[in-house]
Amino acid sequence: MGDVRDLRSAASLRREWRVDDEVVVRAERSAPRAARHWVMRTVADSGVTGAVNQVVELLTGELVSNAVLHGPSDGLVHVHVSVGERTVRVGVTDDGGGRPTVSHPEPTAPSGRGLALVEALAESWGTTARADGHPGKTVWFELDIAD
């Protein structure tokens, strides 16, 4: 199960990334799909395929869906992906307030499982306030790249 840590203390800040890119989408219904496909292609182009790529796609969609649902309806969502020798990292930034929390809804509930999936499938994940002084936060996750 992943652990939650503050981005500023993450060891990944000291890593060298071979891919470090970002896409910006409008906070609308099509945003999760567009972001998932962009991240999936970006990660695949760096040589990460198979199950890791599928998990990256799934978790990115969950975080972008949360940003669209809980952020400002007229806002932008920034999706940042980094690929290193051993790690894939995705961060989703929005202008919404609050901090996301993991919930465990009833089995019949129609939603609310996104962060539980992130918690279960990511090596680590967390949130941090935006460093640029704007309101909002970045929610991120990391996955190890299998040999």
N, C-alpha and C. Protein backbone atom coordinates (compact mmCIF):
# COMPACT_ATOMS: atom_id res chain seq x y z
N MET A 1 0.84 -1.17 0.00
CA MET A 1 0.00 0.00 0.00
C MET A 1 0.88 1.23 0.00
N GLY A 2 0.53 2.25 -0.73
CA GLY A 2 1.32 3.48 -0.82
C GLY A 2 1.31 4.27 0.46
N ASP A 3 2.34 5.07 0.64
CA ASP A 3 2.38 5.93 1.79
C ASP A 3 2.23 7.37 1.34
N VAL A 4 1.68 8.20 2.20
CA VAL A 4 1.44 9.60 1.89
C VAL A 4 2.59 10.40 2.47
N ARG A 5 3.20 11.25 1.64
CA ARG A 5 4.25 12.11 2.13
C ARG A 5 4.14 13.46 1.45
N ASP A 6 4.76 14.43 2.04
CA ASP A 6 4.78 15.76 1.47
C ASP A 6 5.78 15.77 0.34
N LEU A 7 5.40 16.33 -0.79
CA LEU A 7 6.23 16.36 -1.98
C LEU A 7 7.60 16.97 -1.71
N ARG A 8 7.66 18.00 -0.88
CA ARG A 8 8.93 18.68 -0.66
C ARG A 8 9.97 17.77 -0.02
N SER A 9 9.55 16.72 0.68
CA SER A 9 10.50 15.83 1.31
C SER A 9 10.75 14.57 0.50
N ALA A 10 10.14 14.47 -0.67
CA ALA A 10 10.25 13.25 -1.47
C ALA A 10 11.65 13.08 -2.03
N ALA A 11 12.14 11.87 -1.97
CA ALA A 11 13.45 11.56 -2.52
C ALA A 11 13.49 11.83 -4.02
N SER A 12 12.32 11.82 -4.66
CA SER A 12 12.28 11.99 -6.11
C SER A 12 12.76 13.36 -6.54
N LEU A 13 12.81 14.33 -5.64
CA LEU A 13 13.31 15.64 -6.03
C LEU A 13 14.78 15.57 -6.43
N ARG A 14 15.48 14.55 -5.96
CA ARG A 14 16.90 14.39 -6.25
C ARG A 14 17.15 13.50 -7.48
N ARG A 15 16.11 13.00 -8.11
CA ARG A 15 16.24 12.10 -9.25
C ARG A 15 16.48 12.88 -10.53
N GLU A 16 17.07 12.18 -11.48
CA GLU A 16 17.18 12.69 -12.84
C GLU A 16 16.06 12.07 -13.65
N TRP A 17 15.27 12.90 -14.32
CA TRP A 17 14.15 12.40 -15.11
C TRP A 17 14.54 12.37 -16.57
N ARG A 18 14.24 11.27 -17.28
CA ARG A 18 14.49 11.21 -18.72
C ARG A 18 13.31 11.77 -19.50
N VAL A 19 12.14 11.83 -18.88
CA VAL A 19 10.96 12.50 -19.44
C VAL A 19 10.42 13.40 -18.33
N ASP A 20 10.11 14.63 -18.68
CA ASP A 20 9.57 15.59 -17.72
C ASP A 20 8.69 16.54 -18.53
N ASP A 21 7.36 16.29 -18.54
CA ASP A 21 6.48 17.03 -19.44
C ASP A 21 5.15 17.31 -18.77
N GLU A 22 4.39 18.22 -19.34
CA GLU A 22 3.11 18.63 -18.76
C GLU A 22 2.10 18.94 -19.86
N VAL A 23 0.84 18.64 -19.56
CA VAL A 23 -0.26 19.04 -20.42
C VAL A 23 -1.28 19.77 -19.53
N VAL A 24 -1.98 20.73 -20.11
CA VAL A 24 -3.01 21.48 -19.40
C VAL A 24 -4.34 21.24 -20.10
N VAL A 25 -5.35 20.86 -19.30
CA VAL A 25 -6.69 20.61 -19.85
C VAL A 25 -7.69 21.46 -19.08
N ARG A 26 -8.78 21.78 -19.74
CA ARG A 26 -9.87 22.49 -19.06
C ARG A 26 -10.60 21.54 -18.14
N ALA A 27 -11.09 22.05 -17.03
CA ALA A 27 -11.83 21.25 -16.05
C ALA A 27 -13.24 20.98 -16.59
N GLU A 28 -13.32 19.99 -17.46
CA GLU A 28 -14.60 19.61 -18.04
C GLU A 28 -14.65 18.09 -18.17
N ARG A 29 -15.81 17.57 -18.53
CA ARG A 29 -16.03 16.11 -18.56
C ARG A 29 -15.02 15.34 -19.40
N SER A 30 -14.52 15.94 -20.46
CA SER A 30 -13.58 15.25 -21.33
C SER A 30 -12.14 15.26 -20.81
N ALA A 31 -11.86 16.02 -19.77
CA ALA A 31 -10.49 16.16 -19.26
C ALA A 31 -9.86 14.85 -18.81
N PRO A 32 -10.55 14.01 -18.02
CA PRO A 32 -9.89 12.77 -17.59
C PRO A 32 -9.45 11.89 -18.76
N ARG A 33 -10.30 11.77 -19.76
CA ARG A 33 -9.95 10.93 -20.91
C ARG A 33 -8.76 11.51 -21.66
N ALA A 34 -8.79 12.81 -21.93
CA ALA A 34 -7.68 13.45 -22.64
C ALA A 34 -6.37 13.30 -21.87
N ALA A 35 -6.41 13.52 -20.57
CA ALA A 35 -5.21 13.42 -19.74
C ALA A 35 -4.69 11.98 -19.69
N ARG A 36 -5.60 11.02 -19.52
CA ARG A 36 -5.20 9.60 -19.49
C ARG A 36 -4.46 9.21 -20.76
N HIS A 37 -5.03 9.59 -21.89
CA HIS A 37 -4.43 9.21 -23.17
C HIS A 37 -3.08 9.89 -23.38
N TRP A 38 -2.97 11.16 -23.00
CA TRP A 38 -1.70 11.86 -23.15
C TRP A 38 -0.63 11.22 -22.26
N VAL A 39 -0.98 10.95 -21.00
CA VAL A 39 0.00 10.35 -20.08
C VAL A 39 0.38 8.96 -20.56
N MET A 40 -0.59 8.17 -20.98
CA MET A 40 -0.32 6.81 -21.45
C MET A 40 0.66 6.83 -22.63
N ARG A 41 0.44 7.73 -23.60
CA ARG A 41 1.35 7.83 -24.75
C ARG A 41 2.73 8.32 -24.34
N THR A 42 2.77 9.32 -23.46
CA THR A 42 4.05 9.88 -23.02
C THR A 42 4.88 8.82 -22.30
N VAL A 43 4.24 8.08 -21.42
CA VAL A 43 4.94 7.04 -20.67
C VAL A 43 5.37 5.90 -21.61
N ALA A 44 4.51 5.50 -22.52
CA ALA A 44 4.84 4.44 -23.48
C ALA A 44 6.00 4.86 -24.37
N ASP A 45 6.01 6.12 -24.81
CA ASP A 45 7.10 6.62 -25.65
C ASP A 45 8.44 6.58 -24.93
N SER A 46 8.41 6.58 -23.60
CA SER A 46 9.66 6.51 -22.83
C SER A 46 10.07 5.07 -22.56
N GLY A 47 9.28 4.11 -23.05
CA GLY A 47 9.63 2.70 -22.91
C GLY A 47 8.90 1.97 -21.81
N VAL A 48 7.98 2.64 -21.11
CA VAL A 48 7.22 2.00 -20.04
C VAL A 48 5.91 1.49 -20.63
N THR A 49 5.74 0.16 -20.63
CA THR A 49 4.56 -0.44 -21.24
C THR A 49 3.95 -1.44 -20.26
N GLY A 50 2.97 -2.18 -20.73
CA GLY A 50 2.38 -3.25 -19.95
C GLY A 50 1.58 -2.76 -18.76
N ALA A 51 1.64 -3.53 -17.69
CA ALA A 51 0.81 -3.27 -16.51
C ALA A 51 1.11 -1.92 -15.88
N VAL A 52 2.38 -1.51 -15.84
CA VAL A 52 2.71 -0.21 -15.24
C VAL A 52 2.03 0.90 -16.01
N ASN A 53 2.07 0.84 -17.33
CA ASN A 53 1.43 1.86 -18.14
C ASN A 53 -0.07 1.89 -17.89
N GLN A 54 -0.69 0.73 -17.75
CA GLN A 54 -2.13 0.67 -17.50
C GLN A 54 -2.48 1.25 -16.13
N VAL A 55 -1.66 0.99 -15.14
CA VAL A 55 -1.92 1.56 -13.81
C VAL A 55 -1.72 3.07 -13.83
N VAL A 56 -0.69 3.55 -14.54
CA VAL A 56 -0.50 5.00 -14.68
C VAL A 56 -1.73 5.63 -15.30
N GLU A 57 -2.26 5.01 -16.34
CA GLU A 57 -3.45 5.52 -17.02
C GLU A 57 -4.65 5.57 -16.07
N LEU A 58 -4.89 4.49 -15.35
CA LEU A 58 -6.01 4.41 -14.42
C LEU A 58 -5.91 5.48 -13.33
N LEU A 59 -4.75 5.56 -12.69
CA LEU A 59 -4.61 6.49 -11.57
C LEU A 59 -4.64 7.94 -12.03
N THR A 60 -4.09 8.22 -13.21
CA THR A 60 -4.17 9.58 -13.75
C THR A 60 -5.63 9.96 -13.96
N GLY A 61 -6.41 9.07 -14.55
CA GLY A 61 -7.83 9.34 -14.76
C GLY A 61 -8.56 9.63 -13.47
N GLU A 62 -8.23 8.90 -12.41
CA GLU A 62 -8.88 9.12 -11.11
C GLU A 62 -8.52 10.49 -10.55
N LEU A 63 -7.25 10.87 -10.61
CA LEU A 63 -6.86 12.17 -10.07
C LEU A 63 -7.42 13.33 -10.87
N VAL A 64 -7.43 13.20 -12.19
CA VAL A 64 -8.00 14.27 -13.02
C VAL A 64 -9.51 14.36 -12.81
N SER A 65 -10.18 13.23 -12.67
CA SER A 65 -11.62 13.24 -12.37
C SER A 65 -11.89 13.99 -11.07
N ASN A 66 -11.08 13.74 -10.05
CA ASN A 66 -11.24 14.45 -8.78
C ASN A 66 -11.02 15.94 -8.95
N ALA A 67 -10.00 16.32 -9.73
CA ALA A 67 -9.72 17.74 -9.95
C ALA A 67 -10.89 18.42 -10.66
N VAL A 68 -11.49 17.73 -11.63
CA VAL A 68 -12.63 18.29 -12.34
C VAL A 68 -13.84 18.39 -11.42
N LEU A 69 -14.06 17.36 -10.63
CA LEU A 69 -15.23 17.32 -9.75
C LEU A 69 -15.13 18.32 -8.60
N HIS A 70 -13.97 18.43 -8.00
CA HIS A 70 -13.82 19.23 -6.77
C HIS A 70 -13.16 20.59 -6.98
N GLY A 71 -12.59 20.83 -8.14
CA GLY A 71 -11.97 22.12 -8.43
C GLY A 71 -12.97 23.07 -9.05
N PRO A 72 -12.53 24.29 -9.34
CA PRO A 72 -13.42 25.27 -9.98
C PRO A 72 -13.86 24.78 -11.36
N SER A 73 -15.14 24.96 -11.66
CA SER A 73 -15.69 24.45 -12.91
C SER A 73 -15.11 25.15 -14.14
N ASP A 74 -14.58 26.34 -13.97
CA ASP A 74 -14.00 27.06 -15.11
C ASP A 74 -12.48 27.04 -15.08
N GLY A 75 -11.91 26.15 -14.27
CA GLY A 75 -10.47 26.14 -14.07
C GLY A 75 -9.71 25.29 -15.06
N LEU A 76 -8.42 25.27 -14.84
CA LEU A 76 -7.51 24.45 -15.63
C LEU A 76 -6.93 23.37 -14.73
N VAL A 77 -6.61 22.25 -15.33
CA VAL A 77 -5.98 21.14 -14.62
C VAL A 77 -4.65 20.88 -15.30
N HIS A 78 -3.58 20.94 -14.53
CA HIS A 78 -2.23 20.68 -15.03
C HIS A 78 -1.85 19.25 -14.69
N VAL A 79 -1.44 18.50 -15.69
CA VAL A 79 -1.03 17.11 -15.50
C VAL A 79 0.44 17.02 -15.87
N HIS A 80 1.25 16.66 -14.91
CA HIS A 80 2.70 16.60 -15.09
C HIS A 80 3.14 15.15 -14.96
N VAL A 81 3.96 14.69 -15.90
CA VAL A 81 4.48 13.33 -15.84
C VAL A 81 6.01 13.37 -15.93
N SER A 82 6.63 12.57 -15.09
CA SER A 82 8.08 12.41 -15.10
C SER A 82 8.38 10.92 -15.11
N VAL A 83 9.35 10.55 -15.93
CA VAL A 83 9.78 9.16 -16.00
C VAL A 83 11.29 9.13 -15.77
N GLY A 84 11.68 8.37 -14.77
CA GLY A 84 13.09 8.19 -14.48
C GLY A 84 13.51 6.77 -14.79
N GLU A 85 14.69 6.40 -14.36
CA GLU A 85 15.19 5.05 -14.60
C GLU A 85 14.36 4.00 -13.88
N ARG A 86 13.85 4.31 -12.70
CA ARG A 86 13.13 3.32 -11.89
C ARG A 86 11.72 3.76 -11.51
N THR A 87 11.31 4.99 -11.86
CA THR A 87 10.06 5.54 -11.33
C THR A 87 9.28 6.33 -12.38
N VAL A 88 7.97 6.20 -12.32
CA VAL A 88 7.05 7.08 -13.04
C VAL A 88 6.33 7.90 -11.99
N ARG A 89 6.27 9.21 -12.21
CA ARG A 89 5.59 10.11 -11.28
C ARG A 89 4.60 10.95 -12.07
N VAL A 90 3.36 11.04 -11.55
CA VAL A 90 2.34 11.88 -12.16
C VAL A 90 1.81 12.81 -11.09
N GLY A 91 1.70 14.08 -11.42
CA GLY A 91 1.11 15.07 -10.52
C GLY A 91 -0.02 15.79 -11.22
N VAL A 92 -1.12 16.00 -10.51
CA VAL A 92 -2.29 16.69 -11.05
C VAL A 92 -2.55 17.91 -10.18
N THR A 93 -2.50 19.08 -10.79
CA THR A 93 -2.64 20.34 -10.06
C THR A 93 -3.93 21.03 -10.48
N ASP A 94 -4.69 21.50 -9.48
CA ASP A 94 -5.90 22.28 -9.75
C ASP A 94 -5.97 23.43 -8.77
N ASP A 95 -6.93 24.33 -8.98
CA ASP A 95 -7.10 25.50 -8.14
C ASP A 95 -8.10 25.30 -7.01
N GLY A 96 -8.55 24.07 -6.80
CA GLY A 96 -9.54 23.79 -5.77
C GLY A 96 -8.94 23.85 -4.37
N GLY A 97 -9.78 24.13 -3.42
CA GLY A 97 -9.35 24.16 -2.03
C GLY A 97 -9.43 22.80 -1.39
N GLY A 98 -9.04 22.72 -0.15
CA GLY A 98 -9.13 21.48 0.60
C GLY A 98 -8.05 20.49 0.25
N ARG A 99 -8.02 19.43 1.01
CA ARG A 99 -7.08 18.34 0.79
C ARG A 99 -7.88 17.06 0.54
N PRO A 100 -7.50 16.29 -0.45
CA PRO A 100 -8.24 15.05 -0.71
C PRO A 100 -8.01 14.04 0.41
N THR A 101 -9.04 13.26 0.68
CA THR A 101 -8.94 12.20 1.68
C THR A 101 -9.44 10.90 1.08
N VAL A 102 -8.85 9.82 1.53
CA VAL A 102 -9.25 8.50 1.06
C VAL A 102 -10.55 8.13 1.76
N SER A 103 -11.51 7.68 0.98
CA SER A 103 -12.77 7.21 1.57
C SER A 103 -12.98 5.76 1.14
N HIS A 104 -13.80 5.09 1.90
CA HIS A 104 -14.13 3.69 1.62
C HIS A 104 -15.65 3.58 1.61
N PRO A 105 -16.26 3.96 0.46
CA PRO A 105 -17.72 3.97 0.38
C PRO A 105 -18.31 2.56 0.39
N GLU A 106 -19.59 2.53 0.63
CA GLU A 106 -20.32 1.27 0.58
C GLU A 106 -20.18 0.65 -0.81
N PRO A 107 -20.26 -0.65 -0.92
CA PRO A 107 -20.11 -1.30 -2.23
C PRO A 107 -21.11 -0.81 -3.28
N THR A 108 -22.28 -0.36 -2.86
CA THR A 108 -23.28 0.09 -3.82
C THR A 108 -23.17 1.58 -4.15
N ALA A 109 -22.26 2.30 -3.51
CA ALA A 109 -22.09 3.73 -3.79
C ALA A 109 -21.56 3.91 -5.21
N PRO A 110 -22.07 4.92 -5.94
CA PRO A 110 -21.67 5.08 -7.33
C PRO A 110 -20.29 5.68 -7.54
N SER A 111 -19.69 6.25 -6.51
CA SER A 111 -18.38 6.89 -6.67
C SER A 111 -17.66 6.94 -5.33
N GLY A 112 -16.47 7.54 -5.34
CA GLY A 112 -15.74 7.74 -4.10
C GLY A 112 -14.57 6.79 -3.87
N ARG A 113 -14.19 6.03 -4.90
CA ARG A 113 -13.13 5.04 -4.73
C ARG A 113 -11.79 5.45 -5.34
N GLY A 114 -11.72 6.60 -5.96
CA GLY A 114 -10.53 7.01 -6.70
C GLY A 114 -9.26 7.03 -5.88
N LEU A 115 -9.28 7.72 -4.75
CA LEU A 115 -8.07 7.78 -3.93
C LEU A 115 -7.75 6.46 -3.26
N ALA A 116 -8.77 5.64 -3.00
CA ALA A 116 -8.50 4.30 -2.47
C ALA A 116 -7.72 3.49 -3.49
N LEU A 117 -8.03 3.65 -4.78
CA LEU A 117 -7.26 2.98 -5.83
C LEU A 117 -5.83 3.50 -5.86
N VAL A 118 -5.67 4.82 -5.77
CA VAL A 118 -4.33 5.40 -5.75
C VAL A 118 -3.55 4.86 -4.56
N GLU A 119 -4.17 4.85 -3.41
CA GLU A 119 -3.52 4.35 -2.20
C GLU A 119 -3.10 2.88 -2.35
N ALA A 120 -3.96 2.09 -2.97
CA ALA A 120 -3.70 0.65 -3.09
C ALA A 120 -2.65 0.32 -4.16
N LEU A 121 -2.62 1.09 -5.25
CA LEU A 121 -1.78 0.71 -6.39
C LEU A 121 -0.46 1.46 -6.51
N ALA A 122 -0.37 2.65 -5.94
CA ALA A 122 0.86 3.45 -6.06
C ALA A 122 1.88 3.05 -4.99
N GLU A 123 3.15 3.19 -5.33
CA GLU A 123 4.20 2.95 -4.33
C GLU A 123 4.13 4.03 -3.26
N SER A 124 3.87 5.27 -3.69
CA SER A 124 3.69 6.37 -2.76
C SER A 124 2.81 7.41 -3.45
N TRP A 125 2.20 8.27 -2.64
CA TRP A 125 1.37 9.33 -3.17
C TRP A 125 1.23 10.40 -2.09
N GLY A 126 0.77 11.56 -2.47
CA GLY A 126 0.59 12.63 -1.49
C GLY A 126 0.02 13.87 -2.13
N THR A 127 -0.07 14.90 -1.34
CA THR A 127 -0.55 16.20 -1.81
C THR A 127 0.39 17.27 -1.30
N THR A 128 0.42 18.36 -2.01
CA THR A 128 1.19 19.51 -1.57
C THR A 128 0.49 20.77 -2.07
N ALA A 129 0.64 21.84 -1.29
CA ALA A 129 0.09 23.13 -1.72
C ALA A 129 0.87 23.61 -2.92
N ARG A 130 0.24 24.40 -3.75
CA ARG A 130 0.93 24.93 -4.93
C ARG A 130 2.08 25.83 -4.50
N ALA A 131 3.20 25.64 -5.12
CA ALA A 131 4.40 26.41 -4.78
C ALA A 131 4.38 27.81 -5.38
N ASP A 132 3.50 28.05 -6.35
CA ASP A 132 3.48 29.35 -7.03
C ASP A 132 2.63 30.40 -6.32
N GLY A 133 2.12 30.06 -5.14
CA GLY A 133 1.34 31.02 -4.36
C GLY A 133 -0.14 31.07 -4.73
N HIS A 134 -0.54 30.39 -5.80
CA HIS A 134 -1.95 30.35 -6.18
C HIS A 134 -2.70 29.37 -5.28
N PRO A 135 -4.02 29.55 -5.18
CA PRO A 135 -4.78 28.56 -4.41
C PRO A 135 -4.75 27.21 -5.13
N GLY A 136 -4.94 26.18 -4.37
CA GLY A 136 -5.00 24.85 -4.96
C GLY A 136 -3.92 23.93 -4.43
N LYS A 137 -3.80 22.80 -5.10
CA LYS A 137 -2.87 21.78 -4.65
C LYS A 137 -2.48 20.88 -5.81
N THR A 138 -1.44 20.10 -5.55
CA THR A 138 -1.04 19.05 -6.47
C THR A 138 -1.20 17.72 -5.75
N VAL A 139 -1.87 16.79 -6.39
CA VAL A 139 -1.96 15.42 -5.89
C VAL A 139 -1.09 14.59 -6.83
N TRP A 140 -0.21 13.78 -6.27
CA TRP A 140 0.75 13.04 -7.07
C TRP A 140 0.84 11.59 -6.63
N PHE A 141 1.35 10.77 -7.52
CA PHE A 141 1.64 9.38 -7.18
C PHE A 141 2.90 8.95 -7.91
N GLU A 142 3.53 7.92 -7.38
CA GLU A 142 4.70 7.32 -8.01
C GLU A 142 4.51 5.82 -8.13
N LEU A 143 5.01 5.27 -9.22
CA LEU A 143 5.02 3.82 -9.45
C LEU A 143 6.44 3.40 -9.79
N ASP A 144 6.86 2.26 -9.28
CA ASP A 144 8.14 1.70 -9.66
C ASP A 144 8.02 1.07 -11.03
N ILE A 145 9.08 1.19 -11.81
CA ILE A 145 9.13 0.57 -13.13
C ILE A 145 9.79 -0.80 -12.95
N ALA A 146 9.06 -1.84 -13.34
CA ALA A 146 9.59 -3.20 -13.21
C ALA A 146 10.67 -3.45 -14.23
N ASP A 147 11.61 -4.30 -13.88
CA ASP A 147 12.69 -4.64 -14.82
C ASP A 147 12.13 -5.43 -15.97
